[in-house]
Amino acid sequence: MTVEDTRWSVVINDEEQYSIWAAGRDVPVGWRIVRVDGVDVEGSREDCLAHIERVWTDMRPKSLRDRLARRAEAEARQSAARPSAS
């Protein structure tokens, strides 16, 4: 079977990073198959990569996005608590 003939699955890890994996093979530890409306996202390599391109809009790992969001919230609270300079 060639790469072109292989059926692929879209997989995601806990950091919300995407990849593709040959369908039917055991998914590596830390990864899971992406499901949409209860159906595994799988198909040709090109179809799977197109799905990833549509949904993976922020390449930063989830832990970094969460940390930056917490920092922004803390800074906003501090700004709101400061007396104005007028």
C-alpha atoms as a PDB file:
ATOM      1  CA  MET A   1       0.000   0.000   0.000  1.00  0.00           C
ATOM      2  CA  THR A   2       1.377   3.412  -0.958  1.00  0.00           C
ATOM      3  CA  VAL A   3       1.015   6.663   0.958  1.00  0.00           C
ATOM      4  CA  GLU A   4      -1.550   7.747  -1.639  1.00  0.00           C
ATOM      5  CA  ASP A   5      -3.642   4.626  -0.940  1.00  0.00           C
ATOM      6  CA  THR A   6      -3.447   4.909   2.848  1.00  0.00           C
ATOM      7  CA  ARG A   7      -6.539   6.016   4.742  1.00  0.00           C
ATOM      8  CA  TRP A   8      -5.627   8.539   7.440  1.00  0.00           C
ATOM      9  CA  SER A   9      -7.173   9.716  10.716  1.00  0.00           C
ATOM     10  CA  VAL A  10      -6.876  13.192  12.196  1.00  0.00           C
ATOM     11  CA  VAL A  11      -5.489  13.002  15.732  1.00  0.00           C
ATOM     12  CA  ILE A  12      -5.100  15.586  18.492  1.00  0.00           C
ATOM     13  CA  ASN A  13      -3.164  15.683  21.762  1.00  0.00           C
ATOM     14  CA  ASP A  14      -3.883  17.347  25.112  1.00  0.00           C
ATOM     15  CA  GLU A  15      -2.105  20.502  23.936  1.00  0.00           C
ATOM     16  CA  GLU A  16      -4.623  20.678  21.046  1.00  0.00           C
ATOM     17  CA  GLN A  17      -1.921  20.050  18.454  1.00  0.00           C
ATOM     18  CA  TYR A  18      -3.075  18.134  15.373  1.00  0.00           C
ATOM     19  CA  SER A  19      -1.480  15.479  13.210  1.00  0.00           C
ATOM     20  CA  ILE A  20      -2.484  12.608  10.954  1.00  0.00           C
ATOM     21  CA  TRP A  21      -2.062   8.913  11.656  1.00  0.00           C
ATOM     22  CA  ALA A  22      -2.679   5.858   9.499  1.00  0.00           C
ATOM     23  CA  ALA A  23      -6.275   4.750  10.125  1.00  0.00           C
ATOM     24  CA  GLY A  24      -6.591   1.421  11.869  1.00  0.00           C
ATOM     25  CA  ARG A  25      -3.230   1.659  13.613  1.00  0.00           C
ATOM     26  CA  ASP A  26      -3.027   2.136  17.365  1.00  0.00           C
ATOM     27  CA  VAL A  27      -2.846   5.840  18.143  1.00  0.00           C
ATOM     28  CA  PRO A  28       0.258   6.816  20.148  1.00  0.00           C
ATOM     29  CA  VAL A  29      -0.106   7.467  23.870  1.00  0.00           C
ATOM     30  CA  GLY A  30      -1.214  11.047  24.501  1.00  0.00           C
ATOM     31  CA  TRP A  31      -3.119  11.330  21.218  1.00  0.00           C
ATOM     32  CA  ARG A  32      -6.744  10.597  20.338  1.00  0.00           C
ATOM     33  CA  ILE A  33      -8.715  10.434  17.106  1.00  0.00           C
ATOM     34  CA  VAL A  34     -10.694  13.591  16.320  1.00  0.00           C
ATOM     35  CA  ARG A  35     -14.447  13.031  16.095  1.00  0.00           C
ATOM     36  CA  VAL A  36     -17.003  15.415  14.603  1.00  0.00           C
ATOM     37  CA  ASP A  37     -20.670  14.700  15.305  1.00  0.00           C
ATOM     38  CA  GLY A  38     -19.677  11.277  16.634  1.00  0.00           C
ATOM     39  CA  VAL A  39     -17.762  10.286  13.489  1.00  0.00           C
ATOM     40  CA  ASP A  40     -13.994   9.808  13.237  1.00  0.00           C
ATOM     41  CA  VAL A  41     -12.365  12.380  10.955  1.00  0.00           C
ATOM     42  CA  GLU A  42     -10.541  10.276   8.383  1.00  0.00           C
ATOM     43  CA  GLY A  43      -9.938  10.073   4.669  1.00  0.00           C
ATOM     44  CA  SER A  44      -7.159  10.733   2.212  1.00  0.00           C
ATOM     45  CA  ARG A  45      -4.011  12.470   3.381  1.00  0.00           C
ATOM     46  CA  GLU A  46      -5.103  15.623   1.556  1.00  0.00           C
ATOM     47  CA  ASP A  47      -8.597  15.556   3.115  1.00  0.00           C
ATOM     48  CA  CYS A  48      -7.167  15.144   6.616  1.00  0.00           C
ATOM     49  CA  LEU A  49      -4.619  17.924   6.135  1.00  0.00           C
ATOM     50  CA  ALA A  50      -7.375  20.199   4.767  1.00  0.00           C
ATOM     51  CA  HIS A  51      -9.454  19.526   7.903  1.00  0.00           C
ATOM     52  CA  ILE A  52      -6.486  20.382  10.111  1.00  0.00           C
ATOM     53  CA  GLU A  53      -5.869  23.594   8.174  1.00  0.00           C
ATOM     54  CA  ARG A  54      -9.519  24.626   8.722  1.00  0.00           C
ATOM     55  CA  VAL A  55      -9.672  23.916  12.457  1.00  0.00           C
ATOM     56  CA  TRP A  56      -6.144  24.518  13.786  1.00  0.00           C
ATOM     57  CA  THR A  57      -6.182  28.298  13.715  1.00  0.00           C
ATOM     58  CA  ASP A  58      -3.850  28.938  16.662  1.00  0.00           C
ATOM     59  CA  MET A  59      -0.609  26.962  16.537  1.00  0.00           C
ATOM     60  CA  ARG A  60       0.375  27.773  20.123  1.00  0.00           C
ATOM     61  CA  PRO A  61       0.059  24.872  22.588  1.00  0.00           C
ATOM     62  CA  LYS A  62      -3.043  25.019  24.810  1.00  0.00           C
ATOM     63  CA  SER A  63      -0.960  25.419  27.975  1.00  0.00           C
ATOM     64  CA  LEU A  64       0.651  28.564  26.543  1.00  0.00           C
ATOM     65  CA  ARG A  65      -2.690  30.013  25.381  1.00  0.00           C
ATOM     66  CA  ASP A  66      -4.186  29.359  28.829  1.00  0.00           C
ATOM     67  CA  ARG A  67      -1.205  30.925  30.624  1.00  0.00           C
ATOM     68  CA  LEU A  68      -1.338  34.045  28.437  1.00  0.00           C
ATOM     69  CA  ALA A  69      -5.098  34.363  28.987  1.00  0.00           C
ATOM     70  CA  ARG A  70      -4.657  34.144  32.780  1.00  0.00           C
ATOM     71  CA  ARG A  71      -1.915  36.771  32.635  1.00  0.00           C
ATOM     72  CA  ALA A  72      -4.104  39.105  30.549  1.00  0.00           C
ATOM     73  CA  GLU A  73      -6.998  38.666  33.003  1.00  0.00           C
ATOM     74  CA  ALA A  74      -4.734  39.431  35.975  1.00  0.00           C
ATOM     75  CA  GLU A  75      -3.354  42.533  34.264  1.00  0.00           C
ATOM     76  CA  ALA A  76      -6.891  43.710  33.443  1.00  0.00           C
ATOM     77  CA  ARG A  77      -7.932  43.272  37.095  1.00  0.00           C
ATOM     78  CA  GLN A  78      -4.862  45.205  38.265  1.00  0.00           C
ATOM     79  CA  SER A  79      -5.573  48.013  35.781  1.00  0.00           C
ATOM     80  CA  ALA A  80      -9.186  48.238  36.902  1.00  0.00           C
ATOM     81  CA  ALA A  81      -8.116  48.397  40.559  1.00  0.00           C
ATOM     82  CA  ARG A  82      -5.644  51.264  40.034  1.00  0.00           C
ATOM     83  CA  PRO A  83      -6.937  54.767  40.701  1.00  0.00           C
ATOM     84  CA  SER A  84      -7.036  56.950  37.615  1.00  0.00           C
ATOM     85  CA  ALA A  85      -4.406  59.682  37.243  1.00  0.00           C
ATOM     86  CA  SER A  86      -6.934  62.482  36.773  1.00  0.00           C
END
